[in-house]
């Protein structure tokens, strides 16, 4: 059972990829994050179940999905207890309806304690990010979320950390997390040179490109520096309307910049075919330092050069295939240098081979090994292959 931070039908984030890989080996129930009934009403999502009514679907053999709606403001101080109780009940009934048992519960929820809902043998807290650092921007009480997350992690048999900084944080709190960073969907980009290019791009090559969300995590100075040198700049992904609207509008007005907005994941290989240098332009912040930019590995999986800002997760990869720079001038210098190089098959193959060692299939195997090792340390935790 995987309690996910992201909805299964949203962007294909870490939860989705892990569920896909694990479900090739064991049955998986993917539990969407609880959705407020008020939010569902505002968005006019007719397909979302009514408040308090769970929706259980078998997506394919080996993979099921549980979606729920709960009362408004599910993570607020006065309602988190009710939310957690509802979720535990939904998970327990869903497990029974599927006719099996929950051998393992992996939860990425820092606010909702759900361990023990289904008689599971092993409990895992998946510490993906610095959730506490993000709490204030989401209108949540930082101290309260910190206390909840510490309790959930302490109750888990195993803590998985998605990047080195998060692992260090939990070690400083007296726990022993296992560091398993995010992986890449390498198969999706294996034949990127042969996929049809999108028809909505007329930028001349070579092209520097950013694929991802444009928001307050983005260092807009770096994109402006690249565009200011006349380089073709392609931006693929959603943009937070509240983030630097005037500056972003000015950037978009440049003839050498093209923003296509959000695109389905299956179209991304086509855009990456056009990109020569992939960009990871994250600004220096507490949350970014505790993140693991998945796009870095996806660029490499497509055989693309990468220029990134200095993050602990980038340093952990420890490869000369990623160029690191933080200031606008040096960042643009690195992009200029790489754009001047032709696409050499041997270099592309080396980048793809490196990414393959960090695939989601490898990460899922590492997580299974960590769970099995945890089960071995706890006699009450026999985890069978069919659990």
Protein backbone atom coordinates (compact mmCIF):
# COMPACT_ATOMS: atom_id res chain seq x y z
CA UNK A 1 0.00 0.00 0.00
CA UNK A 2 1.48 3.30 -1.13
CA UNK A 3 0.05 6.47 0.46
CA UNK A 4 1.00 9.00 -2.19
CA UNK A 5 1.61 12.73 -2.06
CA UNK A 6 0.44 13.14 -5.66
CA UNK A 7 -2.76 11.96 -7.32
CA UNK A 8 -2.33 8.98 -9.62
CA UNK A 9 -3.87 10.82 -12.58
CA UNK A 10 -1.78 13.97 -12.11
CA UNK A 11 1.79 14.53 -13.23
CA UNK A 12 3.79 11.32 -13.10
CA UNK A 13 5.82 12.00 -10.00
CA UNK A 14 7.90 9.73 -7.77
CA UNK A 15 4.85 7.98 -6.24
CA UNK A 16 3.52 7.00 -9.67
CA UNK A 17 6.86 5.61 -10.86
CA UNK A 18 7.47 3.62 -7.69
CA UNK A 19 3.98 2.12 -7.82
CA UNK A 20 4.47 1.13 -11.46
CA UNK A 21 7.73 -0.66 -10.73
CA UNK A 22 6.62 -2.34 -7.49
CA UNK A 23 3.39 -3.55 -9.11
CA UNK A 24 5.45 -5.63 -11.55
CA UNK A 25 6.52 -7.73 -8.56
CA UNK A 26 3.77 -7.45 -5.92
CA UNK A 27 0.15 -6.20 -5.82
CA UNK A 28 0.04 -2.47 -5.05
CA UNK A 29 -2.79 -0.27 -3.78
CA UNK A 30 -2.09 3.36 -4.66
CA UNK A 31 -3.82 5.69 -2.19
CA UNK A 32 -4.34 9.22 -3.50
CA UNK A 33 -3.79 12.09 -1.07
CA UNK A 34 -7.05 13.07 0.61
CA UNK A 35 -8.96 15.69 -1.33
CA UNK A 36 -11.08 18.27 0.40
CA UNK A 37 -14.75 18.10 -0.56
CA UNK A 38 -14.70 21.91 -0.78
CA UNK A 39 -11.79 21.85 -3.23
CA UNK A 40 -13.53 19.22 -5.33
CA UNK A 41 -16.68 21.33 -5.47
CA UNK A 42 -14.76 24.44 -6.46
CA UNK A 43 -13.04 22.63 -9.29
CA UNK A 44 -16.27 21.09 -10.50
CA UNK A 45 -14.72 17.64 -10.60
CA UNK A 46 -17.75 15.50 -11.21
CA UNK A 47 -15.66 12.35 -11.26
CA UNK A 48 -14.50 12.90 -7.69
CA UNK A 49 -16.53 10.98 -5.10
CA UNK A 50 -18.71 12.82 -2.63
CA UNK A 51 -17.27 13.70 0.75
CA UNK A 52 -16.56 10.64 2.84
CA UNK A 53 -17.18 8.21 -0.01
CA UNK A 54 -14.05 6.31 -1.12
CA UNK A 55 -13.63 5.19 -4.69
CA UNK A 56 -11.68 1.97 -5.25
CA UNK A 57 -10.68 0.98 -8.77
CA UNK A 58 -8.55 -1.82 -10.15
CA UNK A 59 -6.46 -0.10 -12.82
CA UNK A 60 -4.88 -3.29 -14.11
CA UNK A 61 -3.81 -6.65 -12.68
CA UNK A 62 -1.52 -5.90 -9.76
CA UNK A 63 -2.41 -2.23 -9.37
CA UNK A 64 -5.46 -0.66 -7.70
CA UNK A 65 -6.22 2.94 -6.76
CA UNK A 66 -8.11 4.37 -3.79
CA UNK A 67 -9.39 7.96 -3.94
CA UNK A 68 -11.20 9.74 -1.13
CA UNK A 69 -12.60 13.12 -0.25
CA UNK A 70 -12.71 14.40 3.29
CA UNK A 71 -13.85 17.47 5.19
CA UNK A 72 -12.52 20.91 4.23
CA UNK A 73 -9.03 21.91 5.41
CA UNK A 74 -7.90 18.31 6.09
CA UNK A 75 -4.43 19.26 7.37
CA UNK A 76 -5.47 22.00 9.79
CA UNK A 77 -4.95 21.54 13.52
CA UNK A 78 -8.61 20.96 14.32
CA UNK A 79 -9.29 18.48 11.53
CA UNK A 80 -6.13 16.42 11.03
CA UNK A 81 -7.29 13.85 13.58
CA UNK A 82 -10.57 13.32 11.75
CA UNK A 83 -8.78 13.14 8.40
CA UNK A 84 -6.38 10.50 9.71
CA UNK A 85 -9.20 8.44 11.20
CA UNK A 86 -11.16 8.56 7.93
CA UNK A 87 -8.12 7.53 5.92
CA UNK A 88 -7.35 4.61 8.21
CA UNK A 89 -10.90 3.36 7.83
CA UNK A 90 -10.87 3.75 4.04
CA UNK A 91 -7.56 1.92 3.76
CA UNK A 92 -8.71 -0.93 5.99
CA UNK A 93 -11.94 -1.42 4.02
CA UNK A 94 -10.19 -1.16 0.67
CA UNK A 95 -7.74 -3.87 1.68
CA UNK A 96 -10.63 -6.13 2.68
CA UNK A 97 -12.51 -5.46 -0.56
CA UNK A 98 -9.44 -6.40 -2.58
CA UNK A 99 -9.40 -9.72 -0.77
CA UNK A 100 -5.81 -9.52 0.39
CA UNK A 101 -3.68 -8.19 3.19
CA UNK A 102 -1.32 -5.27 3.42
CA UNK A 103 2.15 -6.65 3.96
CA UNK A 104 3.75 -3.20 3.75
CA UNK A 105 2.44 0.35 4.09
CA UNK A 106 4.67 3.02 2.54
CA UNK A 107 3.45 6.47 3.49
CA UNK A 108 4.69 9.76 2.10
CA UNK A 109 2.19 11.73 4.20
CA UNK A 110 3.92 13.92 6.81
CA UNK A 111 0.66 15.03 8.41
CA UNK A 112 -1.56 11.94 8.62
CA UNK A 113 -0.60 8.99 10.85
CA UNK A 114 -2.08 5.88 9.22
CA UNK A 115 0.27 3.10 10.28
CA UNK A 116 -1.51 0.09 11.76
CA UNK A 117 -4.62 0.58 9.62
CA UNK A 118 -4.44 -2.75 7.83
CA UNK A 119 -2.50 -5.12 10.07
CA UNK A 120 0.58 -4.54 7.93
CA UNK A 121 3.84 -6.29 8.75
CA UNK A 122 6.22 -3.42 7.87
CA UNK A 123 5.65 0.33 8.01
CA UNK A 124 7.73 2.74 5.94
CA UNK A 125 7.86 6.53 6.05
CA UNK A 126 9.04 7.95 2.72
CA UNK A 127 10.71 11.29 3.54
CA UNK A 128 10.80 12.96 0.14
CA UNK A 129 11.33 16.64 0.86
CA UNK A 130 11.65 19.24 3.55
CA UNK A 131 7.90 19.39 4.08
CA UNK A 132 8.27 21.59 7.15
CA UNK A 133 10.20 24.14 5.10
CA UNK A 134 7.33 24.24 2.61
CA UNK A 135 4.57 24.39 5.23
CA UNK A 136 4.34 28.15 5.66
CA UNK A 137 3.96 28.78 1.92
CA UNK A 138 0.98 26.41 1.95
CA UNK A 139 -0.69 28.13 4.88
CA UNK A 140 0.12 25.32 7.35
CA UNK A 141 1.45 25.58 10.88
CA UNK A 142 5.18 24.78 10.69
CA UNK A 143 5.55 23.66 14.30
CA UNK A 144 2.48 21.45 14.13
CA UNK A 145 3.58 19.74 10.91
CA UNK A 146 7.06 19.22 12.34
CA UNK A 147 5.61 17.44 15.38
CA UNK A 148 3.34 15.27 13.23
CA UNK A 149 6.10 14.26 10.85
CA UNK A 150 8.48 13.39 13.69
CA UNK A 151 5.81 11.18 15.24
CA UNK A 152 5.08 9.38 11.97
CA UNK A 153 8.77 8.77 11.25
CA UNK A 154 9.39 7.53 14.81
CA UNK A 155 6.51 5.06 14.48
CA UNK A 156 7.81 3.65 11.19
CA UNK A 157 9.89 0.50 11.02
CA UNK A 158 11.88 2.04 8.16
CA UNK A 159 12.53 5.62 7.05
CA UNK A 160 13.47 6.16 3.40
CA UNK A 161 15.17 9.47 2.58
CA UNK A 162 14.95 10.75 -0.98
CA UNK A 163 18.06 12.92 -0.88
CA UNK A 164 21.21 13.43 1.22
CA UNK A 165 20.03 16.54 3.06
CA UNK A 166 16.78 14.89 4.18
CA UNK A 167 18.75 11.82 5.27
CA UNK A 168 21.04 14.04 7.35
CA UNK A 169 18.06 15.78 8.94
CA UNK A 170 16.59 12.51 10.16
CA UNK A 171 19.96 11.26 11.40
CA UNK A 172 20.26 14.43 13.47
CA UNK A 173 16.89 13.50 15.00
CA UNK A 174 18.17 10.13 16.15
CA UNK A 175 16.84 7.89 13.38
CA UNK A 176 18.71 5.77 10.83
CA UNK A 177 17.17 6.50 7.42
CA UNK A 178 18.09 4.60 4.28
CA UNK A 179 19.09 6.96 1.47
CA UNK A 180 17.38 6.00 -1.79
CA UNK A 181 17.03 9.01 -4.13
CA UNK A 182 14.44 9.36 -6.85
CA UNK A 183 15.03 7.59 -10.14
CA UNK A 184 14.35 8.24 -13.81
CA UNK A 185 11.95 6.70 -16.28
CA UNK A 186 14.80 5.78 -18.58
CA UNK A 187 12.71 3.63 -20.92
CA UNK A 188 10.58 6.63 -21.89
CA UNK A 189 13.64 8.43 -23.29
CA UNK A 190 15.64 5.52 -24.66
CA UNK A 191 14.81 6.25 -28.31
CA UNK A 192 14.37 10.01 -28.03
CA UNK A 193 16.39 10.68 -31.19
CA UNK A 194 13.77 8.86 -33.25
CA UNK A 195 10.49 10.17 -31.82
CA UNK A 196 8.53 12.73 -33.89
CA UNK A 197 9.33 16.30 -32.81
CA UNK A 198 6.41 18.47 -31.66
CA UNK A 199 4.88 20.72 -34.28
CA UNK A 200 4.45 23.77 -32.04
CA UNK A 201 8.16 24.68 -31.83
CA UNK A 202 9.88 26.85 -34.43
CA UNK A 203 12.96 27.86 -32.42
CA UNK A 204 16.24 27.41 -34.29
CA UNK A 205 18.75 25.02 -32.79
CA UNK A 206 20.71 24.52 -30.72
CA UNK A 207 18.19 24.85 -27.89
CA UNK A 208 18.53 25.12 -24.13
CA UNK A 209 15.43 23.84 -22.36
CA UNK A 210 13.78 23.62 -18.99
CA UNK A 211 11.15 20.96 -18.33
CA UNK A 212 9.31 21.41 -15.05
CA UNK A 213 7.24 23.74 -12.91
CA UNK A 214 8.07 27.43 -13.03
CA UNK A 215 7.45 28.81 -9.55
CA UNK A 216 9.23 30.33 -6.57
CA UNK A 217 11.72 27.45 -6.61
CA UNK A 218 12.98 28.69 -9.99
CA UNK A 219 15.87 31.14 -10.26
CA UNK A 220 14.49 33.30 -13.05
CA UNK A 221 17.78 35.19 -13.30
CA UNK A 222 19.42 32.14 -14.87
CA UNK A 223 16.80 31.83 -17.58
CA UNK A 224 17.00 35.55 -18.25
CA UNK A 225 20.78 35.33 -18.60
CA UNK A 226 20.50 32.59 -21.23
CA UNK A 227 17.81 34.42 -23.16
CA UNK A 228 19.80 37.67 -22.92
CA UNK A 229 22.58 36.10 -24.92
CA UNK A 230 20.21 35.35 -27.78
CA UNK A 231 20.14 31.61 -27.16
CA UNK A 232 17.02 29.64 -28.08
CA UNK A 233 15.23 28.87 -24.81
CA UNK A 234 12.38 26.35 -24.61
CA UNK A 235 10.24 26.16 -21.45
CA UNK A 236 7.93 23.17 -20.95
CA UNK A 237 5.68 22.94 -17.91
CA UNK A 238 3.11 24.81 -15.79
CA UNK A 239 3.78 28.26 -14.40
CA UNK A 240 2.52 29.55 -11.05
CA UNK A 241 0.49 32.68 -11.95
CA UNK A 242 1.60 34.40 -8.75
CA UNK A 243 5.30 33.94 -9.46
CA UNK A 244 6.98 37.01 -10.97
CA UNK A 245 4.21 37.69 -13.52
CA UNK A 246 5.80 40.82 -15.01
CA UNK A 247 9.31 39.38 -15.30
CA UNK A 248 8.07 36.13 -16.79
CA UNK A 249 5.90 38.01 -19.29
CA UNK A 250 8.95 40.02 -20.34
CA UNK A 251 10.95 36.82 -20.74
CA UNK A 252 8.23 35.27 -22.89
CA UNK A 253 8.12 38.30 -25.18
CA UNK A 254 11.63 37.63 -26.38
CA UNK A 255 11.68 36.16 -29.89
CA UNK A 256 14.16 33.48 -28.83
CA UNK A 257 12.01 32.20 -25.93
CA UNK A 258 9.08 29.82 -26.30
CA UNK A 259 6.92 28.63 -23.38
CA UNK A 260 4.49 25.84 -24.29
CA UNK A 261 2.88 25.43 -20.87
CA UNK A 262 2.08 22.07 -19.28
CA UNK A 263 2.26 19.01 -21.50
CA UNK A 264 1.28 15.35 -20.98
CA UNK A 265 4.20 13.17 -19.95
CA UNK A 266 3.99 11.08 -23.09
CA UNK A 267 4.85 14.15 -25.19
CA UNK A 268 8.03 15.02 -23.29
CA UNK A 269 10.40 12.82 -25.33
CA UNK A 270 9.46 14.86 -28.41
CA UNK A 271 10.40 18.11 -26.69
CA UNK A 272 13.60 16.60 -25.33
CA UNK A 273 14.53 15.58 -28.86
CA UNK A 274 14.73 19.29 -29.68
CA UNK A 275 16.63 20.27 -26.52
CA UNK A 276 20.43 20.12 -26.56
CA UNK A 277 21.09 21.29 -22.99
CA UNK A 278 18.72 20.57 -20.11
CA UNK A 279 18.48 23.17 -17.37
CA UNK A 280 18.00 22.78 -13.60
CA UNK A 281 17.72 26.47 -12.57
CA UNK A 282 16.80 26.14 -8.91
CA UNK A 283 17.42 29.04 -6.57
CA UNK A 284 19.17 28.50 -3.25
CA UNK A 285 16.50 27.79 -0.62
CA UNK A 286 16.01 25.40 2.25
CA UNK A 287 13.36 23.47 0.36
CA UNK A 288 15.43 23.21 -2.83
CA UNK A 289 18.48 22.03 -0.92
CA UNK A 290 16.35 19.18 0.41
CA UNK A 291 14.97 18.24 -3.01
CA UNK A 292 16.01 15.71 -5.60
CA UNK A 293 15.37 17.20 -9.06
CA UNK A 294 14.12 14.28 -11.10
CA UNK A 295 14.50 16.28 -14.31
CA UNK A 296 18.29 16.01 -13.99
CA UNK A 297 18.23 12.27 -14.58
CA UNK A 298 15.54 12.58 -17.24
CA UNK A 299 17.75 14.93 -19.25
CA UNK A 300 20.60 12.42 -18.99
CA UNK A 301 18.25 9.55 -19.88
CA UNK A 302 17.52 11.45 -23.09
CA UNK A 303 21.26 11.83 -23.69
CA UNK A 304 21.19 15.57 -23.10
CA UNK A 305 23.84 17.76 -21.51
CA UNK A 306 22.86 19.24 -18.15
CA UNK A 307 23.61 22.53 -16.40
CA UNK A 308 22.33 22.67 -12.82
CA UNK A 309 22.63 24.82 -9.74
CA UNK A 310 24.58 23.39 -6.82
CA UNK A 311 22.30 21.10 -4.80
CA UNK A 312 23.24 18.27 -2.41
CA UNK A 313 21.39 15.77 -4.63
CA UNK A 314 23.42 16.93 -7.66
CA UNK A 315 26.65 16.47 -5.71
CA UNK A 316 25.51 13.00 -4.60
CA UNK A 317 25.26 11.90 -8.25
CA UNK A 318 29.00 12.62 -8.47
CA UNK A 319 29.39 12.76 -12.23
CA UNK A 320 31.17 15.01 -14.71
CA UNK A 321 28.11 14.70 -16.95
CA UNK A 322 26.44 17.52 -14.99
CA UNK A 323 27.88 21.05 -15.08
CA UNK A 324 27.24 23.07 -11.94
CA UNK A 325 26.92 26.86 -11.73
CA UNK A 326 24.93 29.20 -9.50
CA UNK A 327 25.36 32.73 -10.80
CA UNK A 328 23.65 33.98 -14.00
CA UNK A 329 26.86 34.71 -15.91
CA UNK A 330 28.58 31.42 -15.05
CA UNK A 331 25.38 29.46 -15.63
CA UNK A 332 24.96 31.02 -19.08
CA UNK A 333 28.67 30.42 -19.81
CA UNK A 334 28.24 26.70 -19.20
CA UNK A 335 25.15 26.62 -21.40
CA UNK A 336 27.02 28.45 -24.18
CA UNK A 337 29.89 25.99 -23.98
CA UNK A 338 27.67 22.93 -24.18
CA UNK A 339 25.43 24.32 -26.92
CA UNK A 340 28.53 24.75 -29.07
CA UNK A 341 29.24 21.02 -28.95
CA UNK A 342 27.69 18.68 -31.54
CA UNK A 343 25.54 15.72 -30.52
CA UNK A 344 28.08 12.90 -30.44
CA UNK A 345 26.55 9.40 -30.25
CA UNK A 346 29.22 8.17 -27.83
CA UNK A 347 28.57 11.02 -25.40
CA UNK A 348 24.79 10.55 -25.65
CA UNK A 349 25.21 6.83 -24.93
CA UNK A 350 27.41 7.57 -21.90
CA UNK A 351 24.77 9.89 -20.45
CA UNK A 352 22.03 7.31 -21.01
CA UNK A 353 24.13 4.54 -19.46
CA UNK A 354 24.66 6.67 -16.36
CA UNK A 355 20.94 7.40 -16.08
CA UNK A 356 20.14 3.69 -16.46
CA UNK A 357 21.99 3.02 -13.20
CA UNK A 358 19.52 5.39 -11.54
CA UNK A 359 16.30 4.10 -13.08
CA UNK A 360 13.07 3.67 -11.18
CA UNK A 361 13.44 -0.08 -11.67
CA UNK A 362 16.74 0.09 -9.76
CA UNK A 363 15.22 2.33 -7.09
CA UNK A 364 12.26 -0.02 -6.61
CA UNK A 365 14.66 -2.95 -6.21
CA UNK A 366 16.64 -0.97 -3.62
CA UNK A 367 13.44 -0.18 -1.71
CA UNK A 368 12.37 -3.83 -1.78
CA UNK A 369 15.80 -4.80 -0.43
CA UNK A 370 15.52 -2.22 2.36
CA UNK A 371 12.05 -3.51 3.28
CA UNK A 372 13.22 -7.11 3.27
CA UNK A 373 16.18 -6.21 5.48
CA UNK A 374 13.83 -4.42 7.88
CA UNK A 375 11.50 -7.41 7.94
CA UNK A 376 14.46 -9.63 8.76
CA UNK A 377 15.25 -7.54 11.80
CA UNK A 378 11.66 -7.85 13.04
CA UNK A 379 10.44 -11.47 13.47
CA UNK A 380 6.85 -10.21 13.41
CA UNK A 381 7.45 -8.90 9.87
CA UNK A 382 7.56 -11.79 7.36
CA UNK A 383 7.01 -10.14 3.96
CA UNK A 384 6.18 -12.63 1.24
CA UNK A 385 6.46 -11.97 -2.49
CA UNK A 386 2.70 -11.99 -2.84
CA UNK A 387 1.96 -9.70 0.10
